[in-house]
Amino acid sequence: MNLMSKKDRVRRAINFEKIDRVPVYDKLRQPEVIEHYAGKKLNTEMTREKKQKIVTRAIKNSLDATAAIKIPEKARTVEDDEGFVREIKEFTTWIKSRPFDDLSDAITYVEQKVEEENSMQGDGEELVREETLRYLDMLEDVSLVIGFPVGLDIARNTLGPDLFYRLYHENPNLISEWLDILLEKTIESVQSWKKIAEKRDKSLNELFPVVSPFSDIAHNKSTMASPQFLREEFFWRLEKLVKILHENKMNCMFHSDGNLEKILPDLVSTGIDALNPLDFLVDPYADMGFKEIRERYPDLALVGGINIRGILTKGTPKEVKDEVRRIVDITEGKGIIIGSTTELRGVPQKNAIAMIETAKRMKL
């Protein structure tokens, strides 16, 4: 088979079609790995444009697909107009404090948020789309997997898990209304992307063959919320989003960290095409591995699987290579895209390179 394009390779892998070699998907968050593949040094003092060029060059030289591109930022604290204080350090941003700290104030905040977002025109993501388009052009043939939030992550992270679930217990209708609005904003963003594609004389799936509806709904041992909550407030919304993405002929790779084993039937029933990053399949105490998930869900493509908490950080390059080969052998190289079980950060450089290069050399 002639060498195929990266976008086509990724799309065909998701659809269990014949490909020339194993594709690689990941998020580069480690300066040493970026520098190796870019052939240039990287630091936070550089201009934003220079950092973007180095990071995208590294991606082009290493991966078939990536998502959520980040560049290293100087350490700083910022406060937004709503009073949220965020810490930024290199590739990471997190909320340090919120403009509320009790249930009453959280309810007031959500009520105001619902009112504001109900009256707001558009989804407010124009600047994000502009930067995404710049990255899309810089990446050339690499498949950029853009994320479409279902909404649960946004609401839970905004309030913090404790206040979110307390507020849901106190006023479930208010949270449900907010989740409805957040999903509609995501659906609006799909339409905005469709218009952008049309201006480029392309279909949306030509720009983004694979996209990622996402929400982190689990931790290492189980789901963050009860399966009942997820069935009432999450799965049907995910299914609605997947249907719209499929109508635009894009494949859907659902992303959630954590142990998804107990809710896999619900997830698969939403119509997703692929699952990422598969950390629950490589947990030493897991009941399910690659063989079992492929037997139960033979049409579900698998993306990730190289354990960031285990072999990638603690193993040798040879062990990493053997693990890549093991997973490809189990899946017979069908419906599989190799990558880490989260993102490449805190990993020995030799191990990251071993994972990437071993997969890329595996002809099918």
Protein backbone atom coordinates (compact mmCIF):
# COMPACT_ATOMS: atom_id res chain seq x y z
CA MET A 1 0.00 0.00 0.00
CA ASN A 2 1.29 3.46 -0.88
CA LEU A 3 2.07 5.84 1.96
CA MET A 4 -1.22 7.49 2.93
CA SER A 5 -1.87 10.89 4.46
CA LYS A 6 -1.95 11.19 8.23
CA LYS A 7 -5.56 12.40 8.26
CA ASP A 8 -6.63 9.49 6.08
CA ARG A 9 -4.64 7.02 8.18
CA VAL A 10 -6.35 8.19 11.37
CA ARG A 11 -9.81 8.23 9.81
CA ARG A 12 -9.36 4.77 8.32
CA ALA A 13 -8.04 3.37 11.62
CA ILE A 14 -11.12 4.64 13.48
CA ASN A 15 -13.29 2.94 10.86
CA PHE A 16 -11.40 -0.40 10.93
CA GLU A 17 -10.27 0.06 7.34
CA LYS A 18 -6.94 -1.13 5.97
CA ILE A 19 -4.00 1.19 6.73
CA ASP A 20 -0.29 1.15 5.97
CA ARG A 21 1.00 1.41 9.54
CA VAL A 22 -0.11 2.01 13.12
CA PRO A 23 -1.11 5.67 13.74
CA VAL A 24 -0.01 7.63 16.81
CA TYR A 25 -2.16 10.10 18.74
CA ASP A 26 -1.03 12.13 21.73
CA LYS A 27 -0.68 15.55 23.34
CA LEU A 28 2.88 16.84 23.62
CA ARG A 29 3.39 18.51 27.01
CA GLN A 30 7.03 17.67 27.69
CA PRO A 31 9.75 20.12 26.61
CA GLU A 32 12.41 17.42 26.15
CA VAL A 33 10.21 15.42 23.78
CA ILE A 34 9.13 18.55 21.91
CA GLU A 35 12.74 19.66 21.56
CA HIS A 36 13.79 16.23 20.27
CA TYR A 37 11.22 16.22 17.48
CA ALA A 38 11.45 19.93 16.68
CA GLY A 39 15.23 20.05 16.73
CA LYS A 40 15.02 23.34 18.63
CA LYS A 41 15.08 24.45 22.26
CA LEU A 42 11.84 25.58 23.91
CA ASN A 43 11.32 27.90 26.87
CA THR A 44 8.63 30.13 28.36
CA GLU A 45 10.54 33.34 27.57
CA MET A 46 10.07 32.97 23.83
CA THR A 47 7.39 34.83 21.90
CA ARG A 48 4.06 33.06 21.59
CA GLU A 49 4.52 32.74 17.82
CA LYS A 50 7.95 31.11 18.17
CA LYS A 51 6.69 28.64 20.78
CA GLN A 52 3.78 27.72 18.51
CA LYS A 53 6.11 27.06 15.60
CA ILE A 54 8.36 24.80 17.70
CA VAL A 55 5.47 22.82 19.21
CA THR A 56 3.68 22.32 15.89
CA ARG A 57 6.94 21.30 14.20
CA ALA A 58 7.45 18.65 16.88
CA ILE A 59 3.89 17.38 16.39
CA LYS A 60 4.34 17.15 12.62
CA ASN A 61 7.55 15.16 13.08
CA SER A 62 6.10 12.72 15.61
CA LEU A 63 2.33 12.26 15.54
CA ASP A 64 -0.49 11.42 13.16
CA ALA A 65 -3.09 13.14 15.33
CA THR A 66 -3.21 15.46 18.29
CA ALA A 67 -5.62 17.61 20.31
CA ALA A 68 -5.76 20.61 22.63
CA ILE A 69 -2.40 22.05 21.59
CA LYS A 70 -0.67 24.00 24.35
CA ILE A 71 2.53 25.99 24.58
CA PRO A 72 4.54 26.53 27.78
CA GLU A 73 3.47 29.69 29.62
CA LYS A 74 5.25 31.76 32.23
CA ALA A 75 4.10 31.07 35.80
CA ARG A 76 1.53 33.66 36.79
CA THR A 77 -1.78 34.25 38.56
CA VAL A 78 -4.70 35.84 36.71
CA GLU A 79 -8.17 36.95 37.76
CA ASP A 80 -11.05 37.22 35.30
CA ASP A 81 -14.03 39.58 35.25
CA GLU A 82 -16.17 37.16 37.25
CA GLY A 83 -13.63 36.88 40.06
CA PHE A 84 -12.18 33.43 39.25
CA VAL A 85 -8.47 33.30 40.11
CA ARG A 86 -6.39 30.91 38.01
CA GLU A 87 -2.83 29.69 38.31
CA ILE A 88 -0.91 29.20 35.07
CA LYS A 89 2.35 27.27 34.92
CA GLU A 90 3.95 25.91 31.76
CA PHE A 91 1.30 23.65 30.16
CA THR A 92 -1.21 23.69 33.03
CA THR A 93 -3.98 26.04 34.20
CA TRP A 94 -6.14 25.45 37.26
CA ILE A 95 -8.66 27.37 39.35
CA LYS A 96 -7.15 28.64 42.59
CA SER A 97 -10.25 30.36 43.98
CA ARG A 98 -13.83 31.10 42.99
CA PRO A 99 -16.04 34.16 43.63
CA PHE A 100 -18.27 32.03 45.89
CA ASP A 101 -17.61 29.55 48.67
CA ASP A 102 -21.01 28.42 49.90
CA LEU A 103 -24.13 26.84 48.42
CA SER A 104 -26.27 29.97 48.54
CA ASP A 105 -23.75 32.04 46.59
CA ALA A 106 -23.21 29.18 44.13
CA ILE A 107 -26.96 29.04 43.43
CA THR A 108 -27.03 32.78 42.81
CA TYR A 109 -24.05 32.48 40.47
CA VAL A 110 -25.63 29.66 38.42
CA GLU A 111 -28.97 31.48 38.20
CA GLN A 112 -27.20 34.54 36.85
CA LYS A 113 -25.12 32.39 34.50
CA VAL A 114 -28.23 30.72 33.10
CA GLU A 115 -29.88 34.09 32.52
CA GLU A 116 -26.77 35.54 30.84
CA GLU A 117 -26.16 32.56 28.59
CA ASN A 118 -29.82 32.37 27.59
CA SER A 119 -29.62 35.93 26.31
CA MET A 120 -26.13 35.71 24.76
CA GLN A 121 -25.83 35.47 20.98
CA GLY A 122 -23.37 32.88 19.72
CA ASP A 123 -21.13 30.65 21.82
CA GLY A 124 -18.43 33.22 22.61
CA GLU A 125 -15.65 31.01 21.22
CA GLU A 126 -14.61 33.09 18.20
CA LEU A 127 -11.06 33.69 19.45
CA VAL A 128 -10.63 30.00 20.26
CA ARG A 129 -11.70 29.07 16.72
CA GLU A 130 -9.29 31.60 15.22
CA GLU A 131 -6.35 30.07 17.10
CA THR A 132 -7.51 26.56 16.24
CA LEU A 133 -7.52 27.48 12.55
CA ARG A 134 -3.97 28.80 12.84
CA TYR A 135 -2.87 25.51 14.37
CA LEU A 136 -4.80 23.56 11.73
CA ASP A 137 -2.90 25.35 8.97
CA MET A 138 0.45 25.00 10.75
CA LEU A 139 -0.05 21.26 11.29
CA GLU A 140 -0.70 20.64 7.58
CA ASP A 141 -1.47 16.92 7.27
CA VAL A 142 -1.68 16.07 11.00
CA SER A 143 -5.23 15.28 12.10
CA LEU A 144 -6.24 17.93 14.64
CA VAL A 145 -8.91 16.41 16.87
CA ILE A 146 -10.97 19.30 18.21
CA GLY A 147 -12.99 18.84 21.36
CA PHE A 148 -16.72 19.38 21.77
CA PRO A 149 -17.69 19.55 25.46
CA VAL A 150 -20.89 17.83 26.51
CA GLY A 151 -21.16 20.44 29.29
CA LEU A 152 -20.77 18.44 32.48
CA ASP A 153 -17.05 19.25 32.77
CA ILE A 154 -17.65 22.97 32.39
CA ALA A 155 -20.36 23.11 35.05
CA ARG A 156 -18.56 20.85 37.53
CA ASN A 157 -15.20 22.58 37.14
CA THR A 158 -16.77 26.03 37.41
CA LEU A 159 -18.42 25.25 40.74
CA GLY A 160 -15.96 22.66 42.00
CA PRO A 161 -17.13 19.05 42.47
CA ASP A 162 -18.42 19.49 46.03
CA LEU A 163 -20.63 22.50 45.32
CA PHE A 164 -21.75 21.08 41.98
CA TYR A 165 -23.17 17.86 43.45
CA ARG A 166 -24.55 19.64 46.51
CA LEU A 167 -26.35 22.11 44.28
CA TYR A 168 -27.67 19.27 42.13
CA HIS A 169 -29.08 17.60 45.23
CA GLU A 170 -30.61 20.92 46.34
CA ASN A 171 -31.90 22.09 42.96
CA PRO A 172 -31.52 19.48 40.19
CA ASN A 173 -33.69 21.46 37.77
CA LEU A 174 -31.31 24.42 37.89
CA ILE A 175 -28.29 22.26 37.09
CA SER A 176 -30.22 20.47 34.32
CA GLU A 177 -31.16 23.79 32.77
CA TRP A 178 -27.55 24.91 32.88
CA LEU A 179 -26.36 21.67 31.30
CA ASP A 180 -28.98 22.12 28.54
CA ILE A 181 -27.66 25.60 27.79
CA LEU A 182 -24.03 24.44 27.76
CA LEU A 183 -24.88 21.65 25.31
CA GLU A 184 -26.72 24.09 23.04
CA LYS A 185 -23.64 26.33 23.03
CA THR A 186 -21.57 23.34 21.88
CA ILE A 187 -24.09 22.56 19.15
CA GLU A 188 -23.89 26.20 18.04
CA SER A 189 -20.12 25.83 17.80
CA VAL A 190 -20.57 22.87 15.43
CA GLN A 191 -22.62 25.11 13.15
CA SER A 192 -20.01 27.86 13.39
CA TRP A 193 -17.31 25.41 12.34
CA LYS A 194 -19.49 24.28 9.45
CA LYS A 195 -19.68 27.86 8.15
CA ILE A 196 -15.91 28.22 8.46
CA ALA A 197 -15.41 25.02 6.45
CA GLU A 198 -17.77 26.28 3.75
CA LYS A 199 -15.77 29.51 3.44
CA ARG A 200 -12.73 27.31 2.73
CA ASP A 201 -14.73 25.34 0.15
CA LYS A 202 -14.49 22.23 2.28
CA SER A 203 -16.84 20.02 4.21
CA LEU A 204 -16.50 19.97 7.97
CA ASN A 205 -15.21 16.41 7.96
CA GLU A 206 -12.44 17.38 5.53
CA LEU A 207 -11.11 19.81 8.14
CA PHE A 208 -11.70 17.48 11.07
CA PRO A 209 -12.20 13.81 10.11
CA VAL A 210 -12.16 12.85 13.80
CA VAL A 211 -13.48 14.98 16.67
CA SER A 212 -13.74 14.43 20.40
CA PRO A 213 -16.93 14.90 22.39
CA PHE A 214 -15.55 14.86 25.91
CA SER A 215 -16.13 14.96 29.63
CA ASP A 216 -14.06 13.49 32.42
CA ILE A 217 -16.64 11.39 34.21
CA ALA A 218 -14.48 8.93 36.16
CA HIS A 219 -11.47 8.63 38.41
CA ASN A 220 -9.11 5.69 38.90
CA LYS A 221 -11.55 3.38 40.70
CA SER A 222 -15.01 4.31 39.42
CA THR A 223 -17.19 7.06 37.99
CA MET A 224 -17.19 10.47 39.72
CA ALA A 225 -20.97 10.44 39.92
CA SER A 226 -23.39 7.55 40.19
CA PRO A 227 -24.39 5.70 37.02
CA GLN A 228 -27.94 6.88 37.76
CA PHE A 229 -26.86 10.54 37.63
CA LEU A 230 -25.00 9.93 34.38
CA ARG A 231 -28.03 8.24 32.84
CA GLU A 232 -30.28 11.11 33.87
CA GLU A 233 -27.98 14.00 33.00
CA PHE A 234 -25.15 12.90 30.74
CA PHE A 235 -25.54 9.99 28.35
CA TRP A 236 -28.58 11.31 26.48
CA ARG A 237 -26.84 14.65 26.00
CA LEU A 238 -23.72 12.90 24.70
CA GLU A 239 -25.89 10.87 22.32
CA LYS A 240 -27.52 14.06 21.01
CA LEU A 241 -24.11 15.63 20.37
CA VAL A 242 -22.71 12.49 18.72
CA LYS A 243 -25.72 12.35 16.40
CA ILE A 244 -25.10 15.94 15.24
CA LEU A 245 -21.39 15.28 14.71
CA HIS A 246 -22.22 12.13 12.74
CA GLU A 247 -24.65 14.11 10.59
CA ASN A 248 -21.59 16.14 9.58
CA LYS A 249 -19.79 12.87 8.77
CA MET A 250 -17.19 13.22 11.52
CA ASN A 251 -16.01 10.26 13.58
CA CYS A 252 -16.45 10.65 17.34
CA MET A 253 -13.66 9.73 19.74
CA PHE A 254 -15.04 10.08 23.25
CA HIS A 255 -12.50 11.19 25.84
CA SER A 256 -12.67 10.60 29.57
CA ASP A 257 -9.95 9.68 32.00
CA GLY A 258 -10.66 7.13 34.68
CA ASN A 259 -12.34 3.73 35.08
CA LEU A 260 -15.24 3.54 32.62
CA GLU A 261 -15.76 -0.21 32.78
CA LYS A 262 -19.13 -0.20 34.60
CA ILE A 263 -20.68 2.34 32.23
CA LEU A 264 -19.19 1.11 28.95
CA PRO A 265 -22.53 -0.25 27.71
CA ASP A 266 -24.09 3.19 28.24
CA LEU A 267 -21.18 4.94 26.53
CA VAL A 268 -21.14 2.65 23.52
CA SER A 269 -24.92 2.99 23.14
CA THR A 270 -24.51 6.74 22.53
CA GLY A 271 -22.96 5.93 19.15
CA ILE A 272 -19.34 6.88 19.77
CA ASP A 273 -16.83 5.45 17.30
CA ALA A 274 -13.74 5.38 19.50
CA LEU A 275 -12.63 5.65 23.12
CA ASN A 276 -9.63 7.49 24.58
CA PRO A 277 -7.30 7.30 26.54
CA LEU A 278 -7.98 3.78 27.92
CA ASP A 279 -6.19 4.11 31.26
CA PHE A 280 -8.66 1.69 32.86
CA LEU A 281 -7.55 -1.09 30.50
CA VAL A 282 -3.97 -1.03 31.77
CA ASP A 283 -4.64 -0.64 35.49
CA PRO A 284 -2.99 -3.61 37.24
CA TYR A 285 -6.23 -4.30 39.10
CA ALA A 286 -8.52 -3.95 36.07
CA ASP A 287 -11.03 -6.66 35.27
CA MET A 288 -10.97 -5.75 31.59
CA GLY A 289 -8.02 -5.53 29.20
CA PHE A 290 -7.60 -4.98 25.47
CA LYS A 291 -8.62 -8.55 24.64
CA GLU A 292 -11.83 -8.33 26.68
CA ILE A 293 -12.94 -4.91 25.42
CA ARG A 294 -12.35 -5.92 21.80
CA GLU A 295 -14.38 -9.11 22.30
CA ARG A 296 -17.29 -7.22 23.93
CA TYR A 297 -17.22 -4.17 21.66
CA PRO A 298 -15.67 -5.29 18.36
CA ASP A 299 -16.68 -2.10 16.52
CA LEU A 300 -15.24 0.34 19.08
CA ALA A 301 -11.90 1.82 18.01
CA LEU A 302 -9.30 2.21 20.76
CA VAL A 303 -7.03 5.24 21.10
CA GLY A 304 -4.22 5.40 23.68
CA GLY A 305 -3.39 2.54 26.01
CA ILE A 306 0.29 3.05 26.91
CA ASN A 307 0.23 3.54 30.67
CA ILE A 308 1.50 6.97 31.75
CA ARG A 309 1.42 5.93 35.42
CA GLY A 310 3.20 2.67 34.76
CA ILE A 311 5.33 1.51 31.89
CA LEU A 312 5.82 4.91 30.22
CA THR A 313 7.23 6.49 33.38
CA LYS A 314 8.67 3.46 35.20
CA GLY A 315 9.61 1.04 32.44
CA THR A 316 12.52 0.78 30.05
CA PRO A 317 12.40 1.69 26.34
CA LYS A 318 12.40 -2.05 25.53
CA GLU A 319 9.41 -2.63 27.81
CA VAL A 320 7.58 0.27 26.17
CA LYS A 321 8.28 -1.16 22.71
CA ASP A 322 7.07 -4.60 23.83
CA GLU A 323 3.85 -3.07 25.20
CA VAL A 324 3.13 -1.27 21.94
CA ARG A 325 3.64 -4.50 20.03
CA ARG A 326 1.48 -6.44 22.52
CA ILE A 327 -1.48 -4.10 22.08
CA VAL A 328 -1.18 -4.04 18.31
CA ASP A 329 -0.97 -7.85 18.24
CA ILE A 330 -4.07 -8.24 20.46
CA THR A 331 -6.08 -5.91 18.23
CA GLU A 332 -4.53 -7.33 15.05
CA GLY A 333 -3.72 -3.74 14.11
CA LYS A 334 -7.39 -2.98 13.47
CA GLY A 335 -9.27 -0.09 15.06
CA ILE A 336 -6.22 0.88 17.12
CA ILE A 337 -4.31 4.15 17.46
CA ILE A 338 -1.38 4.10 19.86
CA GLY A 339 -0.80 6.83 22.45
CA SER A 340 -0.35 7.49 26.13
CA THR A 341 -3.16 7.13 28.65
CA THR A 342 -3.38 10.90 29.10
CA GLU A 343 -0.65 13.13 27.62
CA LEU A 344 3.12 13.07 27.24
CA ARG A 345 4.35 14.80 30.36
CA GLY A 346 6.69 13.62 33.10
CA VAL A 347 7.87 10.75 30.92
CA PRO A 348 11.51 9.77 30.27
CA GLN A 349 12.34 11.09 26.81
CA LYS A 350 13.61 7.70 25.63
CA ASN A 351 10.34 6.03 26.59
CA ALA A 352 8.21 8.60 24.76
CA ILE A 353 10.35 8.20 21.65
CA ALA A 354 10.19 4.40 21.96
CA MET A 355 6.38 4.48 22.02
CA ILE A 356 6.08 6.83 19.04
CA GLU A 357 8.71 5.27 16.82
CA THR A 358 7.74 1.66 17.53
CA ALA A 359 4.15 2.32 16.48
CA LYS A 360 5.18 4.23 13.37
CA ARG A 361 7.44 1.36 12.25
CA MET A 362 4.71 -1.25 12.58
CA LYS A 363 3.58 -1.90 9.04
CA LEU A 364 0.16 -3.44 8.53
